[in-house]
Amino acid sequence: MSLRTMNTSATGMEANLFQLDVIANNLANAGTTGFKRSRAEFEDLFYEHFKLPGVVSPATGTETPTGIALGLGTNVRATQVDFRQGSPNLTGGTLDFMIQGEGFFQVVDSSGAIAYTRAGTFTPNASGDLVMSSANLGRLLEPNINIPANATDITVSVDGQVSYREAGNTTLTNAGQISLARFINPEGLIQGGENLYFASDASGSPITGFPDTEAFGTILQGALESSNVEPVKELVDLIKTQRNVELNSEALKAGDQMLQLVNNLRRF
């Protein structure tokens, strides 16, 4: 029995230590643009059944209303991503875009792989094409939007229309329209780091469209979406996780003490 107690407590400690890692990652990204917090979800493990409910008792001939079962611990079932929108961070940057509502920006790298992001920090590359700002790789905004070097008064409307004026010209020139993507199951997206997500069989194929149409959100220029991490909530979860680890460690110690007591028994 004591060995079972120790093994069960070990699963609880392991699961809660994983939860601690999830909380640490959330807190580390509290200031990351467009970051979405994760939460760990748990499930109980197998049960050892000593008596099943509904079994007919040989002594009385009646069915037992309840059974006798013992659980063998817990396990991490999944990590769920919370896609609730973060608050606007007004930067005033001409090429800083925030999606107000549902949708992801689409970006593509040199290999043609399409990724999805809520971080709307863009900048023109050497050719004037808008790319997602990154220290490692400039990923082109999809569909491509080109801003010439002499462009002034760059504006983006709520429906994603990008316009600019050329130096010495008073008329607006349309550079293109931002397209967004959404998914039936965004929780099924693969987190790829660098504020990027990738489609999977679980997420389903992307549904594309323009901002401010159907279920897509609108574009807010001069702002970025803040992380949706709530530090106070994470700290509360951190304390709860610490206590859960402590309680499981106490149960493990109790099992060890009982096993030691049994081993120290002497026959007289």
Protein backbone atom coordinates (compact mmCIF):
# COMPACT_ATOMS: atom_id res chain seq x y z
CA MET A 1 0.00 0.00 0.00
CA SER A 2 2.81 2.42 0.86
CA LEU A 3 4.49 1.82 -2.49
CA ARG A 4 1.20 2.66 -4.23
CA THR A 5 0.93 5.84 -2.17
CA MET A 6 4.45 6.90 -3.11
CA ASN A 7 3.90 6.25 -6.83
CA THR A 8 0.57 8.08 -6.80
CA SER A 9 2.10 11.08 -5.02
CA ALA A 10 4.96 11.10 -7.52
CA THR A 11 2.51 11.50 -10.42
CA GLY A 12 0.94 14.48 -8.62
CA MET A 13 4.32 16.12 -8.08
CA GLU A 14 5.37 15.54 -11.69
CA ALA A 15 2.11 16.96 -13.08
CA ASN A 16 2.27 20.04 -10.86
CA LEU A 17 5.91 20.66 -11.75
CA PHE A 18 4.81 20.69 -15.39
CA GLN A 19 2.11 23.21 -14.43
CA LEU A 20 4.84 25.28 -12.80
CA ASP A 21 6.77 25.30 -16.10
CA VAL A 22 3.63 26.51 -17.93
CA ILE A 23 3.13 29.33 -15.42
CA ALA A 24 6.80 30.32 -15.69
CA ASN A 25 6.49 30.57 -19.48
CA ASN A 26 3.34 32.70 -19.13
CA LEU A 27 5.07 35.11 -16.75
CA ALA A 28 8.19 35.24 -18.93
CA ASN A 29 6.00 36.38 -21.85
CA ALA A 30 3.86 38.88 -19.94
CA GLY A 31 5.39 41.63 -22.08
CA THR A 32 5.50 39.74 -25.40
CA THR A 33 3.39 41.29 -28.16
CA GLY A 34 0.42 39.13 -29.13
CA PHE A 35 1.33 36.34 -26.71
CA LYS A 36 -1.48 34.01 -25.60
CA ARG A 37 -1.25 32.38 -22.20
CA SER A 38 -1.49 28.61 -21.78
CA ARG A 39 -2.98 26.52 -19.02
CA ALA A 40 -2.29 22.90 -18.16
CA GLU A 41 -5.22 20.52 -17.83
CA PHE A 42 -5.07 17.31 -15.83
CA GLU A 43 -6.84 13.96 -15.84
CA ASP A 44 -6.94 11.13 -13.35
CA LEU A 45 -5.10 7.92 -14.20
CA PHE A 46 -6.21 4.29 -14.12
CA TYR A 47 -8.31 2.90 -11.30
CA GLU A 48 -7.80 -0.35 -9.46
CA HIS A 49 -11.23 -1.91 -8.89
CA PHE A 50 -11.59 -4.14 -5.85
CA LYS A 51 -15.38 -4.45 -6.22
CA LEU A 52 -17.49 -3.21 -9.12
CA PRO A 53 -20.80 -1.47 -8.43
CA GLY A 54 -23.89 -3.48 -9.33
CA VAL A 55 -22.35 -6.87 -8.51
CA VAL A 56 -24.82 -9.30 -6.91
CA SER A 57 -23.77 -10.22 -3.38
CA PRO A 58 -23.73 -14.03 -2.84
CA ALA A 59 -24.72 -13.53 0.79
CA THR A 60 -27.80 -11.36 0.27
CA GLY A 61 -28.62 -11.84 -3.42
CA THR A 62 -28.88 -8.09 -3.92
CA GLU A 63 -26.84 -5.73 -6.07
CA THR A 64 -24.22 -3.60 -4.35
CA PRO A 65 -25.09 0.11 -4.91
CA THR A 66 -21.46 1.21 -4.84
CA GLY A 67 -18.09 -0.33 -5.57
CA ILE A 68 -14.57 -0.10 -4.22
CA ALA A 69 -12.01 1.60 -6.47
CA LEU A 70 -8.69 3.30 -5.97
CA GLY A 71 -7.17 5.87 -8.33
CA LEU A 72 -3.51 5.72 -9.24
CA GLY A 73 -2.70 9.39 -9.65
CA THR A 74 -2.89 12.18 -12.21
CA ASN A 75 -1.42 13.12 -15.55
CA VAL A 76 -1.21 16.20 -17.81
CA ARG A 77 -3.97 15.82 -20.41
CA ALA A 78 -3.30 18.90 -22.54
CA THR A 79 -2.16 22.50 -22.58
CA GLN A 80 -4.91 24.82 -23.72
CA VAL A 81 -4.07 28.18 -25.32
CA ASP A 82 -6.24 31.09 -24.22
CA PHE A 83 -6.92 33.14 -27.35
CA ARG A 84 -8.78 35.95 -25.61
CA GLN A 85 -7.71 39.32 -26.97
CA GLY A 86 -5.04 41.30 -25.13
CA SER A 87 -5.38 45.01 -24.43
CA PRO A 88 -4.26 47.60 -27.03
CA ASN A 89 -0.79 49.08 -26.65
CA LEU A 90 -0.85 52.43 -28.45
CA THR A 91 2.60 52.82 -30.03
CA GLY A 92 1.89 55.42 -32.70
CA GLY A 93 3.96 53.35 -35.15
CA THR A 94 2.78 53.76 -38.73
CA LEU A 95 3.27 50.06 -39.49
CA ASP A 96 2.11 48.71 -36.14
CA PHE A 97 -1.22 46.94 -36.64
CA MET A 98 -3.59 45.35 -34.14
CA ILE A 99 -6.46 43.01 -34.92
CA GLN A 100 -9.51 43.98 -32.90
CA GLY A 101 -11.50 40.79 -32.91
CA GLU A 102 -10.93 37.42 -34.53
CA GLY A 103 -8.21 36.60 -37.03
CA PHE A 104 -4.49 36.16 -37.62
CA PHE A 105 -2.04 37.95 -39.88
CA GLN A 106 -0.54 35.63 -42.50
CA VAL A 107 3.22 35.66 -43.08
CA VAL A 108 5.40 33.52 -45.32
CA ASP A 109 9.14 32.78 -45.25
CA SER A 110 11.55 32.11 -48.12
CA SER A 111 10.59 28.40 -48.19
CA GLY A 112 6.94 29.29 -48.79
CA ALA A 113 5.74 28.07 -45.38
CA ILE A 114 2.76 30.09 -44.14
CA ALA A 115 2.58 31.00 -40.47
CA TYR A 116 -0.03 32.91 -38.50
CA THR A 117 0.46 35.61 -35.88
CA ARG A 118 -1.33 38.18 -33.75
CA ALA A 119 1.83 40.29 -33.48
CA GLY A 120 1.35 43.09 -36.00
CA THR A 121 4.83 44.62 -35.95
CA PHE A 122 5.73 45.16 -39.62
CA THR A 123 8.47 46.99 -41.45
CA PRO A 124 9.48 47.35 -45.12
CA ASN A 125 12.46 45.30 -46.30
CA ALA A 126 15.07 46.51 -48.80
CA SER A 127 12.56 46.01 -51.64
CA GLY A 128 9.76 47.85 -49.84
CA ASP A 129 7.75 44.70 -49.14
CA LEU A 130 6.15 44.58 -45.69
CA VAL A 131 7.71 41.91 -43.49
CA MET A 132 7.10 40.82 -39.91
CA SER A 133 9.88 42.29 -37.78
CA SER A 134 12.21 39.55 -36.56
CA ALA A 135 15.84 39.35 -35.48
CA ASN A 136 16.24 36.06 -37.36
CA LEU A 137 14.14 36.18 -40.51
CA GLY A 138 11.94 38.70 -42.30
CA ARG A 139 8.68 36.95 -43.12
CA LEU A 140 6.65 38.57 -45.89
CA LEU A 141 3.12 39.67 -45.16
CA GLU A 142 0.69 37.58 -47.20
CA PRO A 143 -0.69 38.84 -49.55
CA ASN A 144 2.33 40.97 -50.40
CA ILE A 145 2.10 44.73 -49.85
CA ASN A 146 4.81 47.00 -51.22
CA ILE A 147 5.56 50.47 -49.89
CA PRO A 148 7.93 52.56 -52.09
CA ALA A 149 10.84 54.41 -50.51
CA ASN A 150 9.32 57.84 -51.23
CA ALA A 151 5.95 57.00 -49.66
CA THR A 152 4.48 59.35 -47.08
CA ASP A 153 1.26 59.43 -45.05
CA ILE A 154 0.87 55.64 -44.90
CA THR A 155 -2.61 54.82 -43.65
CA VAL A 156 -4.46 51.57 -42.97
CA SER A 157 -8.25 51.54 -42.77
CA VAL A 158 -10.26 49.31 -40.43
CA ASP A 159 -10.93 46.93 -43.34
CA GLY A 160 -7.20 46.56 -44.06
CA GLN A 161 -6.83 48.88 -47.05
CA VAL A 162 -3.22 50.18 -47.13
CA SER A 163 -2.73 53.56 -48.82
CA TYR A 164 0.07 56.09 -49.11
CA ARG A 165 1.05 59.30 -50.84
CA GLU A 166 4.18 59.62 -52.95
CA ALA A 167 6.38 62.62 -52.33
CA GLY A 168 5.04 65.61 -54.24
CA ASN A 169 1.71 63.92 -54.97
CA THR A 170 -1.49 64.76 -53.10
CA THR A 171 -3.55 61.77 -54.24
CA LEU A 172 -3.65 58.52 -52.32
CA THR A 173 -2.25 55.36 -53.89
CA ASN A 174 -3.62 51.97 -52.85
CA ALA A 175 -0.85 49.51 -51.95
CA GLY A 176 -3.13 46.53 -51.33
CA GLN A 177 -5.36 45.06 -48.67
CA ILE A 178 -4.43 43.04 -45.61
CA SER A 179 -5.99 39.58 -45.50
CA LEU A 180 -6.66 37.67 -42.29
CA ALA A 181 -7.10 33.99 -41.48
CA ARG A 182 -9.14 32.25 -38.82
CA PHE A 183 -9.61 28.63 -37.78
CA ILE A 184 -12.51 26.48 -36.61
CA ASN A 185 -10.31 25.20 -33.79
CA PRO A 186 -7.55 27.74 -33.03
CA GLU A 187 -6.55 25.68 -29.96
CA GLY A 188 -5.33 23.07 -32.45
CA LEU A 189 -2.68 25.41 -33.89
CA ILE A 190 0.96 24.45 -33.35
CA GLN A 191 2.93 27.02 -31.36
CA GLY A 192 6.15 27.66 -33.25
CA GLY A 193 7.84 30.40 -31.21
CA GLU A 194 8.65 33.90 -32.53
CA ASN A 195 4.95 34.80 -32.04
CA LEU A 196 4.01 32.31 -34.77
CA TYR A 197 1.42 29.57 -35.09
CA PHE A 198 1.16 26.85 -37.72
CA ALA A 199 -1.89 25.01 -38.99
CA SER A 200 -2.43 21.36 -38.12
CA ASP A 201 -5.01 18.68 -38.81
CA ALA A 202 -6.60 19.56 -35.46
CA SER A 203 -6.93 23.27 -36.25
CA GLY A 204 -8.45 22.65 -39.66
CA SER A 205 -7.64 24.55 -42.83
CA PRO A 206 -7.42 28.35 -42.61
CA ILE A 207 -10.47 30.39 -43.52
CA THR A 208 -9.27 33.61 -45.14
CA GLY A 209 -11.02 36.91 -45.62
CA PHE A 210 -10.70 40.65 -45.24
CA PRO A 211 -10.91 42.60 -41.98
CA ASP A 212 -14.32 43.93 -40.95
CA THR A 213 -16.13 41.26 -42.98
CA GLU A 214 -18.02 38.20 -41.75
CA ALA A 215 -16.42 37.01 -38.48
CA PHE A 216 -13.11 38.83 -38.93
CA GLY A 217 -11.97 41.67 -36.70
CA THR A 218 -10.91 45.15 -37.73
CA ILE A 219 -7.43 46.67 -38.07
CA LEU A 220 -6.24 49.35 -35.66
CA GLN A 221 -3.21 51.26 -36.95
CA GLY A 222 -0.60 52.59 -34.52
CA ALA A 223 -1.25 49.92 -31.89
CA LEU A 224 -0.10 46.44 -30.94
CA GLU A 225 -1.93 43.71 -29.05
CA SER A 226 -0.46 43.18 -25.60
CA SER A 227 0.01 39.77 -24.04
CA ASN A 228 -3.18 38.47 -22.42
CA VAL A 229 -1.22 37.18 -19.41
CA GLU A 230 -2.66 38.47 -16.11
CA PRO A 231 0.30 38.50 -13.67
CA VAL A 232 -1.93 38.47 -10.57
CA LYS A 233 -3.81 35.38 -11.76
CA GLU A 234 -0.54 33.66 -12.67
CA LEU A 235 0.88 34.38 -9.20
CA VAL A 236 -2.26 32.95 -7.57
CA ASP A 237 -1.93 29.84 -9.74
CA LEU A 238 1.76 29.71 -8.82
CA ILE A 239 0.95 29.64 -5.10
CA LYS A 240 -1.72 26.96 -5.61
CA THR A 241 0.74 24.85 -7.61
CA GLN A 242 3.39 25.19 -4.92
CA ARG A 243 0.91 24.03 -2.29
CA ASN A 244 -0.14 21.07 -4.44
CA VAL A 245 3.49 20.01 -4.79
CA GLU A 246 3.98 20.35 -1.03
CA LEU A 247 0.87 18.28 -0.27
CA ASN A 248 1.95 15.53 -2.64
CA SER A 249 5.43 15.52 -1.12
CA GLU A 250 3.86 15.15 2.34
CA ALA A 251 1.82 12.17 1.13
CA LEU A 252 4.99 10.66 -0.34
CA LYS A 253 6.79 11.13 2.98
CA ALA A 254 3.89 9.51 4.84
CA GLY A 255 4.05 6.50 2.52
CA ASP A 256 7.80 6.26 3.06
CA GLN A 257 7.36 6.39 6.84
CA MET A 258 4.71 3.66 6.77
CA LEU A 259 6.96 1.47 4.62
CA GLN A 260 9.84 2.07 7.00
CA LEU A 261 7.60 1.12 9.94
CA VAL A 262 6.66 -2.17 8.25
CA ASN A 263 10.30 -2.94 7.45
CA ASN A 264 11.27 -2.37 11.08
CA LEU A 265 8.76 -4.87 12.51
CA ARG A 266 10.35 -7.65 14.55
CA ARG A 267 9.02 -11.09 15.55
CA PHE A 268 9.21 -11.90 19.22
